[in-house]
C-alpha atoms as a PDB file:
ATOM      1  CA  MET A   1     -15.898 -39.098   1.785  1.00  0.00           C
ATOM      2  CA  ILE A   2     -14.956 -35.808   0.152  1.00  0.00           C
ATOM      3  CA  ARG A   3     -11.524 -34.371   0.896  1.00  0.00           C
ATOM      4  CA  TYR A   4     -10.513 -30.831   0.021  1.00  0.00           C
ATOM      5  CA  GLU A   5      -6.806 -30.045   0.268  1.00  0.00           C
ATOM      6  CA  LEU A   6      -6.645 -26.464   1.485  1.00  0.00           C
ATOM      7  CA  ALA A   7      -3.743 -24.586  -0.047  1.00  0.00           C
ATOM      8  CA  GLY A   8      -3.573 -22.621   3.196  1.00  0.00           C
ATOM      9  CA  PRO A   9      -6.223 -22.899   5.942  1.00  0.00           C
ATOM     10  CA  ASP A  10      -6.737 -19.203   6.533  1.00  0.00           C
ATOM     11  CA  LEU A  11      -9.388 -16.628   5.771  1.00  0.00           C
ATOM     12  CA  SER A  12      -7.995 -15.972   2.299  1.00  0.00           C
ATOM     13  CA  GLU A  13      -8.538 -19.617   1.324  1.00  0.00           C
ATOM     14  CA  VAL A  14     -12.003 -20.066   2.866  1.00  0.00           C
ATOM     15  CA  ARG A  15     -14.880 -17.693   2.185  1.00  0.00           C
ATOM     16  CA  PHE A  16     -18.532 -17.723   3.204  1.00  0.00           C
ATOM     17  CA  ALA A  17     -21.394 -16.876   0.891  1.00  0.00           C
ATOM     18  CA  ILE A  18     -25.190 -16.843   0.732  1.00  0.00           C
ATOM     19  CA  SER A  19     -26.905 -18.047  -2.420  1.00  0.00           C
ATOM     20  CA  PRO A  20     -30.640 -17.621  -3.072  1.00  0.00           C
ATOM     21  CA  LEU A  21     -30.477 -20.090  -5.971  1.00  0.00           C
ATOM     22  CA  ASN A  22     -28.857 -22.757  -3.833  1.00  0.00           C
ATOM     23  CA  GLU A  23     -31.535 -22.276  -1.185  1.00  0.00           C
ATOM     24  CA  LEU A  24     -34.188 -22.574  -3.867  1.00  0.00           C
ATOM     25  CA  THR A  25     -32.679 -25.759  -5.323  1.00  0.00           C
ATOM     26  CA  LEU A  26     -31.864 -27.416  -2.004  1.00  0.00           C
ATOM     27  CA  SER A  27     -35.388 -26.705  -0.760  1.00  0.00           C
ATOM     28  CA  LEU A  28     -36.653 -29.180  -3.352  1.00  0.00           C
ATOM     29  CA  ARG A  29     -35.547 -31.802  -0.834  1.00  0.00           C
ATOM     30  CA  ALA A  30     -38.237 -30.573   1.540  1.00  0.00           C
ATOM     31  CA  LEU A  31     -40.832 -30.656  -1.236  1.00  0.00           C
ATOM     32  CA  ARG A  32     -39.926 -34.236  -2.061  1.00  0.00           C
ATOM     33  CA  ASP A  33     -39.727 -35.525   1.521  1.00  0.00           C
ATOM     34  CA  ALA A  34     -41.338 -33.101   3.984  1.00  0.00           C
ATOM     35  CA  GLY A  35     -40.998 -35.579   6.840  1.00  0.00           C
ATOM     36  CA  ARG A  36     -37.252 -35.030   6.912  1.00  0.00           C
ATOM     37  CA  PHE A  37     -37.722 -31.304   7.441  1.00  0.00           C
ATOM     38  CA  PRO A  38     -40.275 -30.942  10.266  1.00  0.00           C
ATOM     39  CA  LEU A  39     -39.112 -27.448  11.233  1.00  0.00           C
ATOM     40  CA  HIS A  40     -40.195 -26.219   7.792  1.00  0.00           C
ATOM     41  CA  LEU A  41     -43.766 -27.499   8.099  1.00  0.00           C
ATOM     42  CA  PRO A  42     -45.283 -24.004   8.647  1.00  0.00           C
ATOM     43  CA  TRP A  43     -43.689 -22.894   5.370  1.00  0.00           C
ATOM     44  CA  LEU A  44     -44.494 -26.130   3.548  1.00  0.00           C
ATOM     45  CA  ARG A  45     -48.205 -25.674   4.306  1.00  0.00           C
ATOM     46  CA  SER A  46     -48.188 -22.433   2.320  1.00  0.00           C
ATOM     47  CA  VAL A  47     -46.138 -24.064  -0.442  1.00  0.00           C
ATOM     48  CA  GLY A  48     -48.784 -26.763  -0.696  1.00  0.00           C
ATOM     49  CA  THR A  49     -51.377 -24.239  -1.922  1.00  0.00           C
ATOM     50  CA  ALA A  50     -49.097 -22.487  -4.425  1.00  0.00           C
ATOM     51  CA  ASP A  51     -49.573 -22.837  -8.180  1.00  0.00           C
ATOM     52  CA  LEU A  52     -46.299 -24.532  -9.147  1.00  0.00           C
ATOM     53  CA  ASP A  53     -44.916 -26.780 -11.870  1.00  0.00           C
ATOM     54  CA  ARG A  54     -44.480 -29.534  -9.300  1.00  0.00           C
ATOM     55  CA  GLU A  55     -43.761 -32.251 -11.831  1.00  0.00           C
ATOM     56  CA  THR A  56     -40.674 -30.442 -13.092  1.00  0.00           C
ATOM     57  CA  LEU A  57     -39.545 -29.330  -9.643  1.00  0.00           C
ATOM     58  CA  LEU A  58     -39.790 -32.789  -8.089  1.00  0.00           C
ATOM     59  CA  ALA A  59     -38.011 -34.339 -11.057  1.00  0.00           C
ATOM     60  CA  LEU A  60     -34.918 -32.318 -10.111  1.00  0.00           C
ATOM     61  CA  THR A  61     -34.225 -34.563  -7.090  1.00  0.00           C
ATOM     62  CA  ASN A  62     -33.966 -38.287  -6.489  1.00  0.00           C
ATOM     63  CA  ASP A  63     -34.717 -40.558  -3.534  1.00  0.00           C
ATOM     64  CA  ARG A  64     -31.326 -39.698  -2.030  1.00  0.00           C
ATOM     65  CA  LEU A  65     -32.255 -36.016  -2.312  1.00  0.00           C
ATOM     66  CA  TRP A  66     -29.444 -35.216  -4.740  1.00  0.00           C
ATOM     67  CA  THR A  67     -29.836 -32.164  -6.960  1.00  0.00           C
ATOM     68  CA  PRO A  68     -28.045 -31.400 -10.274  1.00  0.00           C
ATOM     69  CA  ASP A  69     -24.705 -29.656  -9.876  1.00  0.00           C
ATOM     70  CA  PHE A  70     -25.531 -27.059 -12.539  1.00  0.00           C
ATOM     71  CA  LEU A  71     -28.366 -25.811 -10.305  1.00  0.00           C
ATOM     72  CA  ASN A  72     -25.997 -25.395  -7.347  1.00  0.00           C
ATOM     73  CA  PRO A  73     -23.328 -23.067  -8.784  1.00  0.00           C
ATOM     74  CA  ARG A  74     -20.704 -21.728  -6.441  1.00  0.00           C
ATOM     75  CA  PRO A  75     -21.759 -18.210  -5.367  1.00  0.00           C
ATOM     76  CA  ARG A  76     -19.555 -15.603  -7.021  1.00  0.00           C
ATOM     77  CA  THR A  77     -20.139 -12.969  -4.332  1.00  0.00           C
ATOM     78  CA  PRO A  78     -20.784 -13.136  -0.567  1.00  0.00           C
ATOM     79  CA  LEU A  79     -24.412 -12.078  -1.108  1.00  0.00           C
ATOM     80  CA  ALA A  80     -25.427 -13.375  -4.516  1.00  0.00           C
ATOM     81  CA  ARG A  81     -28.469 -12.090  -6.422  1.00  0.00           C
ATOM     82  CA  LEU A  82     -30.956 -14.615  -7.768  1.00  0.00           C
ATOM     83  CA  GLU A  83     -31.114 -12.927 -11.176  1.00  0.00           C
ATOM     84  CA  ASP A  84     -27.329 -13.169 -11.595  1.00  0.00           C
ATOM     85  CA  GLU A  85     -27.311 -16.818 -10.583  1.00  0.00           C
ATOM     86  CA  LEU A  86     -30.146 -17.681 -12.968  1.00  0.00           C
ATOM     87  CA  GLU A  87     -28.153 -16.076 -15.798  1.00  0.00           C
ATOM     88  CA  VAL A  88     -25.257 -18.403 -14.972  1.00  0.00           C
ATOM     89  CA  VAL A  89     -27.580 -21.409 -15.094  1.00  0.00           C
ATOM     90  CA  ALA A  90     -29.157 -20.234 -18.365  1.00  0.00           C
ATOM     91  CA  ALA A  91     -25.684 -20.331 -19.962  1.00  0.00           C
ATOM     92  CA  THR A  92     -25.089 -23.968 -18.976  1.00  0.00           C
ATOM     93  CA  PRO A  93     -23.821 -25.973 -21.985  1.00  0.00           C
ATOM     94  CA  PRO A  94     -26.331 -28.587 -23.231  1.00  0.00           C
ATOM     95  CA  GLU A  95     -23.961 -31.500 -22.586  1.00  0.00           C
ATOM     96  CA  ARG A  96     -23.559 -30.347 -18.988  1.00  0.00           C
ATOM     97  CA  VAL A  97     -27.347 -30.237 -18.481  1.00  0.00           C
ATOM     98  CA  ARG A  98     -27.675 -33.748 -19.856  1.00  0.00           C
ATOM     99  CA  ALA A  99     -24.760 -35.137 -17.813  1.00  0.00           C
ATOM    100  CA  ASP A 100     -25.821 -33.590 -14.487  1.00  0.00           C
ATOM    101  CA  LEU A 101     -29.414 -34.804 -14.799  1.00  0.00           C
ATOM    102  CA  ALA A 102     -28.120 -38.269 -15.663  1.00  0.00           C
ATOM    103  CA  ALA A 103     -25.841 -38.195 -12.585  1.00  0.00           C
ATOM    104  CA  VAL A 104     -28.825 -37.486 -10.324  1.00  0.00           C
ATOM    105  CA  HIS A 105     -31.064 -40.089 -11.990  1.00  0.00           C
ATOM    106  CA  PHE A 106     -28.306 -42.663 -12.396  1.00  0.00           C
ATOM    107  CA  ASP A 107     -30.587 -45.633 -11.731  1.00  0.00           C
ATOM    108  CA  GLY A 108     -33.030 -45.297 -14.616  1.00  0.00           C
ATOM    109  CA  GLY A 109     -32.564 -42.020 -16.376  1.00  0.00           C
ATOM    110  CA  PRO A 110     -34.319 -38.660 -15.882  1.00  0.00           C
ATOM    111  CA  PRO A 111     -38.144 -38.602 -15.655  1.00  0.00           C
ATOM    112  CA  ALA A 112     -40.091 -37.957 -18.839  1.00  0.00           C
ATOM    113  CA  ILE A 113     -40.668 -34.293 -17.925  1.00  0.00           C
ATOM    114  CA  LEU A 114     -36.898 -33.758 -18.256  1.00  0.00           C
ATOM    115  CA  ALA A 115     -36.615 -35.575 -21.579  1.00  0.00           C
ATOM    116  CA  GLY A 116     -36.029 -33.746 -24.830  1.00  0.00           C
ATOM    117  CA  ARG A 117     -33.478 -31.262 -26.149  1.00  0.00           C
ATOM    118  CA  PRO A 118     -31.311 -29.911 -23.296  1.00  0.00           C
ATOM    119  CA  GLN A 119     -32.060 -26.295 -24.248  1.00  0.00           C
ATOM    120  CA  GLU A 120     -35.801 -26.928 -23.928  1.00  0.00           C
ATOM    121  CA  VAL A 121     -35.344 -28.828 -20.673  1.00  0.00           C
ATOM    122  CA  LEU A 122     -33.231 -26.002 -19.257  1.00  0.00           C
ATOM    123  CA  HIS A 123     -35.874 -23.423 -20.211  1.00  0.00           C
ATOM    124  CA  ARG A 124     -38.566 -25.550 -18.548  1.00  0.00           C
ATOM    125  CA  VAL A 125     -36.470 -25.907 -15.380  1.00  0.00           C
ATOM    126  CA  LEU A 126     -35.707 -22.182 -15.151  1.00  0.00           C
ATOM    127  CA  THR A 127     -39.359 -21.271 -15.663  1.00  0.00           C
ATOM    128  CA  ALA A 128     -40.415 -23.685 -12.918  1.00  0.00           C
ATOM    129  CA  LEU A 129     -37.771 -22.361 -10.521  1.00  0.00           C
ATOM    130  CA  ARG A 130     -38.691 -18.733 -11.212  1.00  0.00           C
ATOM    131  CA  GLY A 131     -42.351 -19.440 -10.461  1.00  0.00           C
ATOM    132  CA  TYR A 132     -41.345 -21.327  -7.327  1.00  0.00           C
ATOM    133  CA  TRP A 133     -39.230 -18.394  -6.130  1.00  0.00           C
ATOM    134  CA  ASP A 134     -41.922 -15.790  -6.771  1.00  0.00           C
ATOM    135  CA  ALA A 135     -44.642 -17.763  -4.987  1.00  0.00           C
ATOM    136  CA  CYS A 136     -42.763 -19.402  -2.115  1.00  0.00           C
ATOM    137  CA  PHE A 137     -39.435 -17.641  -1.493  1.00  0.00           C
ATOM    138  CA  GLU A 138     -39.731 -13.975  -2.358  1.00  0.00           C
ATOM    139  CA  PRO A 139     -42.234 -13.249   0.480  1.00  0.00           C
ATOM    140  CA  HIS A 140     -39.903 -14.879   3.033  1.00  0.00           C
ATOM    141  CA  TRP A 141     -36.413 -14.284   1.658  1.00  0.00           C
ATOM    142  CA  GLN A 142     -35.561 -11.328   3.900  1.00  0.00           C
ATOM    143  CA  ARG A 143     -36.355 -13.474   6.921  1.00  0.00           C
ATOM    144  CA  MET A 144     -34.408 -16.476   5.570  1.00  0.00           C
ATOM    145  CA  ARG A 145     -31.393 -14.375   4.642  1.00  0.00           C
ATOM    146  CA  ALA A 146     -31.243 -12.843   8.123  1.00  0.00           C
ATOM    147  CA  VAL A 147     -30.859 -16.301   9.673  1.00  0.00           C
ATOM    148  CA  LEU A 148     -28.127 -17.217   7.172  1.00  0.00           C
ATOM    149  CA  GLU A 149     -26.255 -13.967   7.794  1.00  0.00           C
ATOM    150  CA  ALA A 150     -26.407 -14.477  11.547  1.00  0.00           C
ATOM    151  CA  ASP A 151     -24.913 -17.933  11.126  1.00  0.00           C
ATOM    152  CA  ILE A 152     -21.973 -16.553   9.119  1.00  0.00           C
ATOM    153  CA  VAL A 153     -21.222 -13.958  11.778  1.00  0.00           C
ATOM    154  CA  TYR A 154     -21.266 -16.723  14.404  1.00  0.00           C
ATOM    155  CA  ARG A 155     -18.833 -18.827  12.342  1.00  0.00           C
ATOM    156  CA  GLY A 156     -16.544 -15.822  11.915  1.00  0.00           C
ATOM    157  CA  ARG A 157     -16.427 -15.248  15.666  1.00  0.00           C
ATOM    158  CA  THR A 158     -15.608 -18.922  16.194  1.00  0.00           C
ATOM    159  CA  ILE A 159     -12.669 -18.645  13.779  1.00  0.00           C
ATOM    160  CA  VAL A 160     -11.351 -15.568  15.568  1.00  0.00           C
ATOM    161  CA  HIS A 161     -11.637 -17.059  19.050  1.00  0.00           C
ATOM    162  CA  SER A 162     -10.941 -20.760  18.443  1.00  0.00           C
ATOM    163  CA  GLY A 163      -9.485 -21.196  14.960  1.00  0.00           C
ATOM    164  CA  MET A 164     -10.527 -22.649  11.625  1.00  0.00           C
ATOM    165  CA  ALA A 165     -10.468 -26.301  12.724  1.00  0.00           C
ATOM    166  CA  ALA A 166     -12.801 -25.553  15.644  1.00  0.00           C
ATOM    167  CA  MET A 167     -15.208 -23.738  13.317  1.00  0.00           C
ATOM    168  CA  PHE A 168     -15.453 -26.722  10.971  1.00  0.00           C
ATOM    169  CA  ALA A 169     -15.799 -29.167  13.875  1.00  0.00           C
ATOM    170  CA  ASP A 170     -18.657 -27.080  15.268  1.00  0.00           C
ATOM    171  CA  ILE A 171     -20.566 -27.366  11.980  1.00  0.00           C
ATOM    172  CA  SER A 172     -20.971 -31.145  12.196  1.00  0.00           C
ATOM    173  CA  PRO A 173     -19.276 -34.283  13.534  1.00  0.00           C
ATOM    174  CA  ARG A 174     -19.060 -35.263   9.858  1.00  0.00           C
ATOM    175  CA  VAL A 175     -16.642 -32.414   9.123  1.00  0.00           C
ATOM    176  CA  SER A 176     -13.039 -32.173  10.279  1.00  0.00           C
ATOM    177  CA  LEU A 177      -9.923 -30.207   9.388  1.00  0.00           C
ATOM    178  CA  ALA A 178      -6.526 -31.802  10.020  1.00  0.00           C
ATOM    179  CA  ASP A 179      -3.175 -31.238   8.315  1.00  0.00           C
ATOM    180  CA  ASP A 180      -4.788 -28.807   5.850  1.00  0.00           C
ATOM    181  CA  ILE A 181      -7.236 -31.507   4.684  1.00  0.00           C
ATOM    182  CA  LEU A 182     -10.940 -30.771   5.089  1.00  0.00           C
ATOM    183  CA  SER A 183     -12.796 -34.094   5.282  1.00  0.00           C
ATOM    184  CA  ILE A 184     -16.558 -34.207   4.720  1.00  0.00           C
ATOM    185  CA  ARG A 185     -18.245 -37.523   5.413  1.00  0.00           C
ATOM    186  CA  LEU A 186     -21.470 -37.716   3.423  1.00  0.00           C
ATOM    187  CA  THR A 187     -24.511 -39.723   4.553  1.00  0.00           C
ATOM    188  CA  THR A 188     -26.207 -41.738   1.819  1.00  0.00           C
ATOM    189  CA  SER A 189     -23.869 -40.903  -1.048  1.00  0.00           C
ATOM    190  CA  LYS A 190     -21.154 -43.150  -2.485  1.00  0.00           C
ATOM    191  CA  VAL A 191     -19.465 -40.096  -3.995  1.00  0.00           C
ATOM    192  CA  ASP A 192     -15.785 -40.143  -3.059  1.00  0.00           C
ATOM    193  CA  TYR A 193     -13.081 -37.828  -4.334  1.00  0.00           C
ATOM    194  CA  ARG A 194     -10.163 -35.656  -3.312  1.00  0.00           C
ATOM    195  CA  ARG A 195      -9.128 -32.362  -4.872  1.00  0.00           C
ATOM    196  CA  THR A 196      -7.097 -29.285  -4.078  1.00  0.00           C
ATOM    197  CA  THR A 197      -8.502 -25.817  -3.520  1.00  0.00           C
ATOM    198  CA  ALA A 198      -5.349 -24.161  -4.885  1.00  0.00           C
ATOM    199  CA  GLY A 199      -6.173 -21.300  -7.193  1.00  0.00           C
ATOM    200  CA  VAL A 200      -9.914 -21.374  -6.532  1.00  0.00           C
ATOM    201  CA  GLY A 201     -10.328 -21.535  -2.736  1.00  0.00           C
ATOM    202  CA  LEU A 202     -13.169 -23.111  -0.793  1.00  0.00           C
ATOM    203  CA  THR A 203     -16.628 -21.563  -0.548  1.00  0.00           C
ATOM    204  CA  VAL A 204     -18.666 -22.435   2.535  1.00  0.00           C
ATOM    205  CA  VAL A 205     -22.419 -21.908   2.185  1.00  0.00           C
ATOM    206  CA  PRO A 206     -24.941 -22.092   5.048  1.00  0.00           C
ATOM    207  CA  THR A 207     -28.352 -23.379   4.048  1.00  0.00           C
ATOM    208  CA  LEU A 208     -31.732 -23.873   5.675  1.00  0.00           C
ATOM    209  CA  PHE A 209     -32.443 -27.011   3.671  1.00  0.00           C
ATOM    210  CA  THR A 210     -29.904 -29.640   4.627  1.00  0.00           C
ATOM    211  CA  ARG A 211     -29.535 -31.733   7.753  1.00  0.00           C
ATOM    212  CA  ASN A 212     -25.943 -32.708   7.040  1.00  0.00           C
ATOM    213  CA  PRO A 213     -23.026 -31.175   5.135  1.00  0.00           C
ATOM    214  CA  SER A 214     -23.031 -31.759   1.379  1.00  0.00           C
ATOM    215  CA  THR A 215     -20.852 -31.024  -1.643  1.00  0.00           C
ATOM    216  CA  PRO A 216     -21.111 -31.124  -5.434  1.00  0.00           C
ATOM    217  CA  ILE A 217     -21.425 -34.600  -6.936  1.00  0.00           C
ATOM    218  CA  SER A 218     -18.630 -34.061  -9.449  1.00  0.00           C
ATOM    219  CA  PRO A 219     -14.987 -33.495  -8.458  1.00  0.00           C
ATOM    220  CA  GLU A 220     -14.753 -31.166 -11.469  1.00  0.00           C
ATOM    221  CA  GLU A 221     -16.936 -28.606  -9.686  1.00  0.00           C
ATOM    222  CA  PRO A 222     -15.276 -25.762  -7.716  1.00  0.00           C
ATOM    223  CA  PRO A 223     -14.837 -26.703  -4.030  1.00  0.00           C
ATOM    224  CA  VAL A 224     -18.025 -25.905  -2.115  1.00  0.00           C
ATOM    225  CA  MET A 225     -19.464 -27.171   1.148  1.00  0.00           C
ATOM    226  CA  PHE A 226     -23.109 -26.619   2.066  1.00  0.00           C
ATOM    227  CA  TYR A 227     -23.920 -26.983   5.742  1.00  0.00           C
ATOM    228  CA  PRO A 228     -26.980 -26.611   8.018  1.00  0.00           C
ATOM    229  CA  ALA A 229     -27.343 -23.073   9.370  1.00  0.00           C
ATOM    230  CA  ARG A 230     -28.001 -22.398  13.020  1.00  0.00           C
ATOM    231  CA  GLY A 231     -31.271 -20.787  14.102  1.00  0.00           C
ATOM    232  CA  LEU A 232     -33.646 -22.806  11.924  1.00  0.00           C
ATOM    233  CA  GLY A 233     -35.873 -23.497  14.922  1.00  0.00           C
ATOM    234  CA  ASN A 234     -36.661 -19.772  15.146  1.00  0.00           C
ATOM    235  CA  LEU A 235     -37.261 -19.209  11.437  1.00  0.00           C
ATOM    236  CA  TRP A 236     -41.026 -19.735  11.286  1.00  0.00           C
ATOM    237  CA  THR A 237     -41.991 -18.794  14.842  1.00  0.00           C
ATOM    238  CA  THR A 238     -42.717 -15.564  16.692  1.00  0.00           C
ATOM    239  CA  ASP A 239     -40.713 -15.351  19.902  1.00  0.00           C
ATOM    240  CA  ARG A 240     -41.936 -14.120  23.238  1.00  0.00           C
ATOM    241  CA  PRO A 241     -38.662 -14.300  25.171  1.00  0.00           C
ATOM    242  CA  GLN A 242     -38.992 -14.619  28.912  1.00  0.00           C
ATOM    243  CA  ALA A 243     -36.521 -12.127  30.275  1.00  0.00           C
ATOM    244  CA  PRO A 244     -35.781 -12.126  34.020  1.00  0.00           C
ATOM    245  CA  GLY A 245     -38.310 -10.020  35.928  1.00  0.00           C
ATOM    246  CA  ALA A 246     -35.647  -7.754  37.384  1.00  0.00           C
ATOM    247  CA  LEU A 247     -34.319  -7.041  33.912  1.00  0.00           C
ATOM    248  CA  ARG A 248     -37.824  -6.213  32.591  1.00  0.00           C
ATOM    249  CA  ASP A 249     -38.368  -3.849  35.499  1.00  0.00           C
ATOM    250  CA  LEU A 250     -35.071  -2.101  34.811  1.00  0.00           C
ATOM    251  CA  ILE A 251     -35.066  -1.596  31.018  1.00  0.00           C
ATOM    252  CA  GLY A 252     -38.577  -2.534  29.936  1.00  0.00           C
ATOM    253  CA  GLU A 253     -40.162  -5.575  28.311  1.00  0.00           C
ATOM    254  CA  THR A 254     -39.063  -4.974  24.704  1.00  0.00           C
ATOM    255  CA  ARG A 255     -35.427  -4.171  25.463  1.00  0.00           C
ATOM    256  CA  SER A 256     -35.086  -6.984  27.962  1.00  0.00           C
ATOM    257  CA  GLY A 257     -36.568  -9.350  25.368  1.00  0.00           C
ATOM    258  CA  LEU A 258     -34.102  -8.162  22.740  1.00  0.00           C
ATOM    259  CA  LEU A 259     -31.193  -8.522  25.113  1.00  0.00           C
ATOM    260  CA  THR A 260     -32.306 -12.068  25.915  1.00  0.00           C
ATOM    261  CA  LEU A 261     -32.575 -13.010  22.225  1.00  0.00           C
ATOM    262  CA  LEU A 262     -29.209 -11.534  21.321  1.00  0.00           C
ATOM    263  CA  GLU A 263     -27.237 -14.353  22.853  1.00  0.00           C
ATOM    264  CA  ALA A 264     -26.734 -15.210  19.148  1.00  0.00           C
ATOM    265  CA  PRO A 265     -26.163 -12.628  16.362  1.00  0.00           C
ATOM    266  CA  ALA A 266     -29.276 -11.322  14.588  1.00  0.00           C
ATOM    267  CA  SER A 267     -30.296  -8.431  12.362  1.00  0.00           C
ATOM    268  CA  SER A 268     -32.989  -5.900  13.190  1.00  0.00           C
ATOM    269  CA  THR A 269     -35.160  -7.415  10.441  1.00  0.00           C
ATOM    270  CA  GLU A 270     -34.874 -10.912  11.889  1.00  0.00           C
ATOM    271  CA  LEU A 271     -35.581  -9.630  15.411  1.00  0.00           C
ATOM    272  CA  ALA A 272     -38.641  -7.697  14.234  1.00  0.00           C
ATOM    273  CA  VAL A 273     -40.061 -10.836  12.600  1.00  0.00           C
ATOM    274  CA  ARG A 274     -39.342 -12.986  15.637  1.00  0.00           C
ATOM    275  CA  LEU A 275     -40.898 -10.476  18.047  1.00  0.00           C
ATOM    276  CA  GLY A 276     -43.806  -9.483  15.809  1.00  0.00           C
ATOM    277  CA  VAL A 277     -43.015  -5.742  15.909  1.00  0.00           C
ATOM    278  CA  THR A 278     -41.828  -3.208  13.329  1.00  0.00           C
ATOM    279  CA  THR A 279     -38.193  -2.971  12.222  1.00  0.00           C
ATOM    280  CA  THR A 280     -38.224   0.766  12.958  1.00  0.00           C
ATOM    281  CA  ALA A 281     -39.131   0.151  16.599  1.00  0.00           C
ATOM    282  CA  VAL A 282     -36.495  -2.550  16.954  1.00  0.00           C
ATOM    283  CA  ASN A 283     -33.801  -0.308  15.470  1.00  0.00           C
ATOM    284  CA  GLN A 284     -34.557   2.434  17.979  1.00  0.00           C
ATOM    285  CA  HIS A 285     -34.107   0.046  20.875  1.00  0.00           C
ATOM    286  CA  LEU A 286     -30.975  -1.538  19.402  1.00  0.00           C
ATOM    287  CA  ARG A 287     -29.289   1.826  18.895  1.00  0.00           C
ATOM    288  CA  ALA A 288     -30.031   2.846  22.461  1.00  0.00           C
ATOM    289  CA  MET A 289     -28.715  -0.419  23.926  1.00  0.00           C
ATOM    290  CA  ARG A 290     -25.605  -0.294  21.749  1.00  0.00           C
ATOM    291  CA  ALA A 291     -24.913   3.280  22.909  1.00  0.00           C
ATOM    292  CA  ALA A 292     -25.208   2.026  26.501  1.00  0.00           C
ATOM    293  CA  GLY A 293     -22.627  -0.690  25.832  1.00  0.00           C
ATOM    294  CA  LEU A 294     -25.044  -3.620  26.118  1.00  0.00           C
ATOM    295  CA  LEU A 295     -24.658  -4.688  22.466  1.00  0.00           C
ATOM    296  CA  THR A 296     -21.980  -4.917  19.799  1.00  0.00           C
ATOM    297  CA  SER A 297     -22.623  -4.823  16.061  1.00  0.00           C
ATOM    298  CA  ALA A 298     -20.923  -5.995  12.872  1.00  0.00           C
ATOM    299  CA  ARG A 299     -21.814  -5.434   9.247  1.00  0.00           C
ATOM    300  CA  HIS A 300     -22.340  -8.355   6.879  1.00  0.00           C
ATOM    301  CA  GLY A 301     -23.177  -7.273   3.351  1.00  0.00           C
ATOM    302  CA  ARG A 302     -26.169  -4.963   3.542  1.00  0.00           C
ATOM    303  CA  SER A 303     -27.166  -6.033   7.047  1.00  0.00           C
ATOM    304  CA  VAL A 304     -25.966  -5.045  10.496  1.00  0.00           C
ATOM    305  CA  LEU A 305     -25.949  -7.920  12.979  1.00  0.00           C
ATOM    306  CA  TYR A 306     -26.200  -7.302  16.716  1.00  0.00           C
ATOM    307  CA  LEU A 307     -24.908  -9.376  19.626  1.00  0.00           C
ATOM    308  CA  ARG A 308     -24.828  -9.007  23.375  1.00  0.00           C
ATOM    309  CA  SER A 309     -21.589  -7.475  24.619  1.00  0.00           C
ATOM    310  CA  ASP A 310     -19.737  -8.756  27.682  1.00  0.00           C
ATOM    311  CA  LEU A 311     -21.551  -6.091  29.679  1.00  0.00           C
ATOM    312  CA  GLY A 312     -24.864  -7.269  28.236  1.00  0.00           C
ATOM    313  CA  ASP A 313     -24.045 -10.866  29.187  1.00  0.00           C
ATOM    314  CA  ARG A 314     -23.293  -9.811  32.754  1.00  0.00           C
ATOM    315  CA  PHE A 315     -26.514  -7.798  32.839  1.00  0.00           C
ATOM    316  CA  VAL A 316     -28.615 -10.807  31.856  1.00  0.00           C
ATOM    317  CA  HIS A 317     -26.814 -13.283  34.090  1.00  0.00           C
ATOM    318  CA  ALA A 318     -26.937 -10.993  37.106  1.00  0.00           C
ATOM    319  CA  ALA A 319     -30.717 -10.620  36.699  1.00  0.00           C
ATOM    320  CA  THR A 320     -31.317 -14.363  36.383  1.00  0.00           C
END
């Protein structure tokens, strides 16, 4: 059990962030044990043909699917850049590299590929991760990020309407907030510690590559909670939403499909991928429906996320 003592459970104490490096590192779990991540199988098939340093990449996890803390740094901005995060990792002190790898491979020591001087090991790890990103993440990152951004907007709306405790409870039955204590019950880990967030806050990071909430292994790390993002089931599929016939007759197939999908927040990029059409076409329809009062929008970083308005909800329900 991990317990974070929130100095004050409000929006100034808790912040959300998206980290490309954390997605990259946590995805090594899927490489090691694909059976635990069936929704990623379409992506994993393409990963299987990529030219990667698999020996190094797979050595960065263990049978419990732990990853080294130094490869999961707390994001410094809401929308971190991979290059900036890799610079942080490149500056990791040698003793920290050695200690974190030993913590992951506590039952026999790191594999031979991770043996040697820490500086050389770190260079090997960064080179492997960079190649992994270029081959397997860069072509899909815009799509992945859209799902993560939509999840954050959803969590923000939950906080506004129901409060912080309800938001955490909605993430997982393993997470609860009571008396300013955020409790995170881990699955296979014996890691147990309690620390305050005073002075540093708590960063909450949605990810596509975990089934349950997780935290850093060491209590010395800044407070971070990784949690499974919503919408994973739609990540690798093209949607053909079945809008009510009356709604299609009234506003057309594309707009009725968009209105049906926007029960949950999504960006124009994500919607274009899911519908198999161009982003330009989607934006034209979204602007028209927003002007008509059927949608609302909110900006998150560089993206604008759309959601059905109350009028849009009534429109869809009346046509059903």
